[in-house]
Amino acid sequence: MDKSTRGGFAVLTRFETTFHESRFTFYLSGVYITVSGQAIERLRIEGIAESWLEPGADRSTQVYRPAVLIECTLNFRSLRAGLNHSEERNYSAWLPEADLAIDWDSPANQFDGLTQLISQSDPAIGYLPGNHKTTKSEFDQYAAELIEKLVRNERLRIYFNPVFGLFSSPGDELDDFLARVADAALGRVEPELRSLRNRFELQLEQVREAQASKGSLAENFNLESFISNKLHFFESENRLAGMFSTLAGAVFGSSEPRSHGEGYRPDEAELREDLERIEQEASDALRALYDEYLTLANEYDTFEIGLQPDNIQVMRRILLWVPVDE
């Protein structure tokens, strides 16, 4: 086996073997070397920068395969959602051979970010030979095809509540968005809560006046009856106030009226019935309001925002060398 030196690399010029295969390829520091003695230099494309993906631990079985890496900025805009959101994205695909089309649906590699790229190759890793006749203009065409694909398929998905016209921000979790919707529902229900509270306080006052009128006419009405009557109204007022004490507690956690069957005198059966009826109706009204607004607060749709060609800005086109197993 004879050697000559070309471009700083050792190049085999003659090789004799008893193997039946007629052609073999060896990898030496960036040069493809065939059994026939022909050295194939690493692919270089004028006007296109190149980077290498950091190799894994086992480099003895790896070779570099060429890929196309496009760095771009996507700008998602929606007047309806009041959104103007930009994201930096990286897309890769294997560099096609001969006249084959590039396949942007098959990424060359899934990597976390550009921090995994290095500016020079690992000298222990050779290059996979191929029939690549790529030029800078073809790289531009690859980028144009990627833009067409993104316009057709890429969507930014956010959450939308049609009742309150609320949109989530990009990246928001659904639970966080629904918490915002719940706050909006609380603001919407506030006037109805005030109306309900006024209605049941008025009913309580009407019962009080009726009891006072009956007491003034009753022959057996005494101080003990007067005090008991006052205590029952005081307790009922407190229970109603507890139901309506805070909007959040009333609408998003309304409670049933407390049991208060004991403590009434035999002659207070009508009073007991009236107070229990008012408190139960108030609780039922709050529960119905809670159920209605809970449904509205949990309603959401997925809102999609697409792209126009002008919303895609290509920052860099890179010839990326990806370590793959032989």
Protein backbone atom coordinates (compact mmCIF):
# COMPACT_ATOMS: atom_id res chain seq x y z
CA MET A 1 0.00 0.00 0.00
CA ASP A 2 1.50 3.33 -1.12
CA LYS A 3 0.79 6.75 0.33
CA SER A 4 1.03 10.29 -0.97
CA THR A 5 0.23 13.58 0.74
CA ARG A 6 -2.53 15.87 -0.50
CA GLY A 7 -3.74 18.97 1.32
CA GLY A 8 -2.13 17.92 4.58
CA PHE A 9 -3.93 14.56 4.71
CA ALA A 10 -2.64 11.07 4.03
CA VAL A 11 -4.21 9.69 0.87
CA LEU A 12 -4.03 6.08 -0.21
CA THR A 13 -3.04 5.78 -3.88
CA ARG A 14 -2.88 2.00 -4.23
CA PHE A 15 -4.42 -0.85 -2.29
CA GLU A 16 -4.18 -4.56 -2.88
CA THR A 17 -6.63 -7.01 -1.31
CA THR A 18 -7.97 -10.50 -1.76
CA PHE A 19 -11.54 -9.47 -0.81
CA HIS A 20 -14.20 -10.18 -3.43
CA GLU A 21 -15.80 -6.75 -3.11
CA SER A 22 -14.62 -4.45 -5.82
CA ARG A 23 -14.87 -1.16 -3.91
CA PHE A 24 -14.33 0.03 -0.33
CA THR A 25 -14.30 3.41 1.37
CA PHE A 26 -12.03 4.57 4.16
CA TYR A 27 -12.41 7.73 6.23
CA LEU A 28 -9.34 9.79 7.04
CA SER A 29 -9.76 13.19 8.65
CA GLY A 30 -12.24 14.75 6.26
CA VAL A 31 -11.24 12.98 3.02
CA TYR A 32 -13.15 10.16 1.39
CA ILE A 33 -10.65 7.53 0.16
CA THR A 34 -11.77 4.75 -2.15
CA VAL A 35 -10.03 1.48 -2.89
CA SER A 36 -9.52 2.60 -6.44
CA GLY A 37 -7.20 5.27 -5.11
CA GLN A 38 -9.49 8.28 -5.71
CA ALA A 39 -9.76 10.76 -2.85
CA ILE A 40 -13.09 12.57 -2.43
CA GLU A 41 -12.83 15.84 -0.56
CA ARG A 42 -15.45 16.91 1.96
CA LEU A 43 -18.41 18.76 0.49
CA ARG A 44 -18.05 22.53 0.59
CA ILE A 45 -20.62 25.04 -0.68
CA GLU A 46 -19.47 28.54 -1.52
CA GLY A 47 -21.37 31.20 0.41
CA ILE A 48 -22.86 28.73 2.91
CA ALA A 49 -21.56 28.51 6.47
CA GLU A 50 -21.07 25.10 8.02
CA SER A 51 -21.23 23.72 11.53
CA TRP A 52 -20.81 20.35 13.18
CA LEU A 53 -23.15 18.74 15.65
CA GLU A 54 -21.37 17.62 18.78
CA PRO A 55 -20.80 13.85 18.54
CA GLY A 56 -21.78 11.26 21.09
CA ALA A 57 -19.47 9.27 23.35
CA ASP A 58 -18.79 6.38 20.95
CA ARG A 59 -17.09 8.01 17.99
CA SER A 60 -15.42 4.93 16.57
CA THR A 61 -18.53 3.93 14.63
CA GLN A 62 -19.66 7.41 13.59
CA VAL A 63 -19.35 9.38 10.36
CA TYR A 64 -20.57 12.85 9.45
CA ARG A 65 -23.62 13.08 7.21
CA PRO A 66 -24.53 16.44 5.58
CA ALA A 67 -27.78 18.18 6.44
CA VAL A 68 -29.46 21.54 5.88
CA LEU A 69 -30.09 23.71 8.93
CA ILE A 70 -32.30 26.80 8.64
CA GLU A 71 -32.45 29.32 11.47
CA CYS A 72 -35.52 31.55 11.23
CA THR A 73 -37.86 33.80 13.16
CA LEU A 74 -41.60 33.20 13.02
CA ASN A 75 -43.92 36.10 13.73
CA PHE A 76 -47.49 35.14 14.67
CA ARG A 77 -49.98 38.00 14.41
CA SER A 78 -53.70 38.19 15.13
CA LEU A 79 -55.77 41.36 15.40
CA ARG A 80 -58.63 39.42 16.97
CA ALA A 81 -56.41 38.01 19.71
CA GLY A 82 -54.41 41.23 19.99
CA LEU A 83 -51.25 39.19 19.58
CA ASN A 84 -47.89 39.92 18.00
CA HIS A 85 -45.62 37.06 19.04
CA SER A 86 -42.23 36.02 17.64
CA GLU A 87 -40.34 32.78 18.10
CA GLU A 88 -36.91 31.65 16.96
CA ARG A 89 -36.97 28.20 15.37
CA ASN A 90 -34.42 25.81 13.85
CA TYR A 91 -35.34 23.29 11.16
CA SER A 92 -33.12 20.59 9.73
CA ALA A 93 -33.34 18.01 6.94
CA TRP A 94 -30.88 15.68 5.30
CA LEU A 95 -29.10 17.15 2.31
CA PRO A 96 -30.61 15.39 -0.72
CA GLU A 97 -28.41 13.55 -3.17
CA ALA A 98 -28.43 14.06 -6.94
CA ASP A 99 -31.79 15.49 -8.08
CA LEU A 100 -33.85 14.28 -5.10
CA ALA A 101 -36.09 16.76 -3.29
CA ILE A 102 -35.41 17.82 0.27
CA ASP A 103 -37.71 16.27 2.88
CA TRP A 104 -38.55 18.81 5.57
CA ASP A 105 -40.90 16.28 7.19
CA SER A 106 -37.91 14.18 8.29
CA PRO A 107 -35.63 16.20 10.60
CA ALA A 108 -31.96 15.37 10.34
CA ASN A 109 -31.59 15.60 14.09
CA GLN A 110 -33.54 16.61 17.16
CA PHE A 111 -31.33 18.92 19.20
CA ASP A 112 -32.09 21.31 22.02
CA GLY A 113 -30.47 24.35 20.49
CA LEU A 114 -27.53 25.88 18.71
CA THR A 115 -25.35 25.37 21.80
CA GLN A 116 -24.83 21.80 20.59
CA LEU A 117 -23.11 23.06 17.45
CA ILE A 118 -19.34 23.38 17.18
CA SER A 119 -17.20 25.25 14.68
CA GLN A 120 -14.96 22.39 13.61
CA SER A 121 -15.11 18.67 13.07
CA ASP A 122 -13.87 15.94 15.34
CA PRO A 123 -10.71 14.58 13.70
CA ALA A 124 -11.62 11.07 14.80
CA ILE A 125 -14.79 11.09 12.69
CA GLY A 126 -14.81 10.73 8.93
CA TYR A 127 -17.39 11.80 6.36
CA LEU A 128 -20.06 9.79 4.66
CA PRO A 129 -19.60 10.05 0.87
CA GLY A 130 -22.56 10.87 -1.35
CA ASN A 131 -23.62 12.28 -4.68
CA HIS A 132 -24.18 15.87 -3.55
CA LYS A 133 -24.11 18.64 -6.15
CA THR A 134 -25.58 21.36 -3.99
CA THR A 135 -25.00 25.07 -4.59
CA LYS A 136 -25.94 28.23 -2.72
CA SER A 137 -28.94 28.77 -5.02
CA GLU A 138 -30.21 25.32 -4.12
CA PHE A 139 -29.87 26.20 -0.43
CA ASP A 140 -32.03 29.26 -1.14
CA GLN A 141 -34.57 26.95 -2.79
CA TYR A 142 -34.54 24.67 0.25
CA ALA A 143 -35.33 27.68 2.45
CA ALA A 144 -38.17 28.73 0.12
CA GLU A 145 -39.66 25.24 0.29
CA LEU A 146 -39.45 25.32 4.07
CA ILE A 147 -41.30 28.64 4.14
CA GLU A 148 -44.06 27.16 1.96
CA LYS A 149 -44.37 24.22 4.33
CA LEU A 150 -44.57 26.47 7.40
CA VAL A 151 -47.25 28.64 5.80
CA ARG A 152 -49.30 25.51 5.05
CA ASN A 153 -48.88 23.70 8.33
CA GLU A 154 -47.40 25.75 11.17
CA ARG A 155 -49.91 27.08 13.72
CA LEU A 156 -49.59 28.82 17.04
CA ARG A 157 -52.33 27.43 19.30
CA ILE A 158 -53.64 29.42 22.23
CA TYR A 159 -56.81 29.18 24.35
CA PHE A 160 -59.90 31.30 23.81
CA ASN A 161 -63.02 31.85 25.94
CA PRO A 162 -65.91 32.98 23.69
CA VAL A 163 -68.10 34.14 26.59
CA PHE A 164 -65.69 36.76 27.89
CA GLY A 165 -63.57 37.17 24.75
CA LEU A 166 -60.37 36.21 26.55
CA PHE A 167 -57.26 34.78 24.91
CA SER A 168 -54.36 33.05 26.60
CA SER A 169 -50.76 34.06 26.03
CA PRO A 170 -48.45 31.72 24.11
CA GLY A 171 -47.17 29.02 26.41
CA ASP A 172 -49.88 29.48 29.06
CA GLU A 173 -51.10 26.30 30.76
CA LEU A 174 -54.82 25.60 30.51
CA ASP A 175 -55.29 25.78 34.29
CA ASP A 176 -53.71 29.24 34.39
CA PHE A 177 -55.95 30.44 31.58
CA LEU A 178 -59.10 29.07 33.23
CA ALA A 179 -58.15 30.89 36.44
CA ARG A 180 -58.23 34.15 34.46
CA VAL A 181 -61.61 33.18 33.02
CA ALA A 182 -62.90 32.49 36.53
CA ASP A 183 -61.86 35.98 37.61
CA ALA A 184 -63.71 37.44 34.64
CA ALA A 185 -66.79 35.37 35.48
CA LEU A 186 -66.64 36.67 39.03
CA GLY A 187 -66.68 40.25 37.79
CA ARG A 188 -69.61 39.48 35.50
CA VAL A 189 -71.68 37.87 38.29
CA GLU A 190 -71.19 40.66 40.83
CA PRO A 191 -74.32 42.68 39.88
CA GLU A 192 -76.51 39.56 40.01
CA LEU A 193 -75.12 38.70 43.42
CA ARG A 194 -75.97 42.15 44.75
CA SER A 195 -79.47 41.84 43.33
CA LEU A 196 -79.96 38.44 44.98
CA ARG A 197 -78.73 39.71 48.33
CA ASN A 198 -81.08 42.72 48.23
CA ARG A 199 -83.99 40.46 47.32
CA PHE A 200 -83.53 38.07 50.24
CA GLU A 201 -82.75 40.82 52.73
CA LEU A 202 -86.04 42.43 51.69
CA GLN A 203 -87.88 39.14 52.25
CA LEU A 204 -86.35 38.85 55.70
CA GLU A 205 -87.41 42.38 56.53
CA GLN A 206 -90.97 41.62 55.39
CA VAL A 207 -91.10 38.59 57.69
CA ARG A 208 -89.76 40.74 60.54
CA GLU A 209 -92.49 43.33 60.00
CA ALA A 210 -95.15 40.62 59.86
CA GLN A 211 -93.88 39.09 63.11
CA ALA A 212 -93.78 42.49 64.79
CA SER A 213 -97.35 43.17 63.73
CA LYS A 214 -98.50 39.79 65.07
CA GLY A 215 -96.60 40.29 68.33
CA SER A 216 -98.24 43.60 69.05
CA LEU A 217 -101.65 41.97 68.70
CA ALA A 218 -100.86 38.77 70.62
CA GLU A 219 -102.19 38.65 74.19
CA ASN A 220 -99.45 36.30 75.42
CA PHE A 221 -96.58 38.22 73.84
CA ASN A 222 -93.94 38.89 76.52
CA LEU A 223 -90.32 39.85 76.95
CA GLU A 224 -89.15 36.26 76.54
CA SER A 225 -90.96 35.97 73.22
CA PHE A 226 -89.58 39.30 72.11
CA ILE A 227 -85.97 38.29 72.87
CA SER A 228 -86.35 34.87 71.22
CA ASN A 229 -87.79 36.49 68.11
CA LYS A 230 -84.91 38.95 67.92
CA LEU A 231 -82.31 36.18 68.32
CA HIS A 232 -83.78 34.11 65.50
CA PHE A 233 -83.73 37.09 63.13
CA PHE A 234 -80.18 37.93 64.16
CA GLU A 235 -79.00 34.37 63.49
CA SER A 236 -80.80 34.24 60.13
CA GLU A 237 -79.33 37.59 59.09
CA ASN A 238 -75.85 36.32 59.95
CA ARG A 239 -76.36 33.17 57.91
CA LEU A 240 -77.51 35.17 54.88
CA ALA A 241 -74.62 37.57 55.32
CA GLY A 242 -72.26 34.57 55.40
CA MET A 243 -73.62 33.34 52.08
CA PHE A 244 -73.06 36.73 50.45
CA SER A 245 -70.06 37.86 52.51
CA THR A 246 -67.55 37.56 49.66
CA LEU A 247 -68.28 37.27 45.97
CA ALA A 248 -65.68 34.55 45.50
CA GLY A 249 -67.07 32.53 48.39
CA ALA A 250 -70.64 33.00 47.25
CA VAL A 251 -70.25 32.22 43.57
CA PHE A 252 -67.28 29.85 43.52
CA GLY A 253 -67.98 28.01 46.75
CA SER A 254 -71.52 28.74 47.95
CA SER A 255 -72.54 26.78 51.02
CA GLU A 256 -75.84 25.27 52.07
CA PRO A 257 -77.69 26.89 55.00
CA ARG A 258 -76.67 25.55 58.36
CA SER A 259 -79.00 23.30 60.28
CA HIS A 260 -80.86 25.41 62.82
CA GLY A 261 -83.94 23.39 63.69
CA GLU A 262 -83.43 23.59 67.42
CA GLY A 263 -84.04 26.54 69.71
CA TYR A 264 -87.51 27.56 68.49
CA ARG A 265 -90.41 27.90 70.89
CA PRO A 266 -93.65 26.03 70.10
CA ASP A 267 -95.37 29.28 69.16
CA GLU A 268 -92.58 30.15 66.67
CA ALA A 269 -93.31 27.42 64.11
CA GLU A 270 -94.42 29.93 61.48
CA LEU A 271 -91.32 32.09 62.06
CA ARG A 272 -89.08 29.05 61.80
CA GLU A 273 -90.75 28.02 58.55
CA ASP A 274 -90.41 31.49 57.04
CA LEU A 275 -86.74 31.91 57.97
CA GLU A 276 -85.76 28.43 56.79
CA ARG A 277 -87.59 29.01 53.50
CA ILE A 278 -85.78 32.31 52.86
CA GLU A 279 -82.37 30.83 53.65
CA GLN A 280 -82.99 27.76 51.51
CA GLU A 281 -84.18 29.84 48.55
CA ALA A 282 -81.13 32.07 48.88
CA SER A 283 -78.83 29.04 48.90
CA ASP A 284 -80.61 27.50 45.89
CA ALA A 285 -80.38 30.77 43.95
CA LEU A 286 -76.68 31.04 44.68
CA ARG A 287 -76.11 27.42 43.69
CA ALA A 288 -77.91 27.94 40.38
CA LEU A 289 -75.83 31.05 39.73
CA TYR A 290 -72.69 29.13 40.66
CA ASP A 291 -73.52 26.27 38.28
CA GLU A 292 -74.29 28.65 35.41
CA TYR A 293 -71.09 30.64 35.74
CA LEU A 294 -68.96 27.60 36.49
CA THR A 295 -70.02 26.26 33.09
CA LEU A 296 -69.17 29.56 31.42
CA ALA A 297 -65.86 29.89 33.26
CA ASN A 298 -64.73 26.43 32.10
CA GLU A 299 -65.67 26.95 28.48
CA TYR A 300 -62.75 27.33 26.10
CA ASP A 301 -61.75 26.70 22.51
CA THR A 302 -58.38 26.32 20.84
CA PHE A 303 -57.56 29.36 18.73
CA GLU A 304 -55.07 28.89 15.90
CA ILE A 305 -52.88 31.58 14.34
CA GLY A 306 -51.17 30.82 11.05
CA LEU A 307 -48.31 32.39 9.15
CA GLN A 308 -47.86 34.42 6.00
CA PRO A 309 -44.60 34.32 4.00
CA ASP A 310 -43.78 37.84 5.18
CA ASN A 311 -43.99 36.62 8.79
CA ILE A 312 -41.06 34.22 8.31
CA GLN A 313 -37.56 35.66 8.35
CA VAL A 314 -34.68 33.31 7.50
CA MET A 315 -31.66 34.27 9.58
CA ARG A 316 -29.06 31.73 8.49
CA ARG A 317 -28.64 28.79 6.13
CA ILE A 318 -26.09 26.29 7.40
CA LEU A 319 -24.51 23.15 6.04
CA LEU A 320 -24.75 20.97 9.13
CA TRP A 321 -22.61 17.88 9.64
CA VAL A 322 -24.44 15.34 11.80
CA PRO A 323 -22.63 12.33 13.34
CA VAL A 324 -24.46 9.12 12.43
CA ASP A 325 -23.62 5.45 12.86
CA GLU A 326 -22.04 3.81 9.85
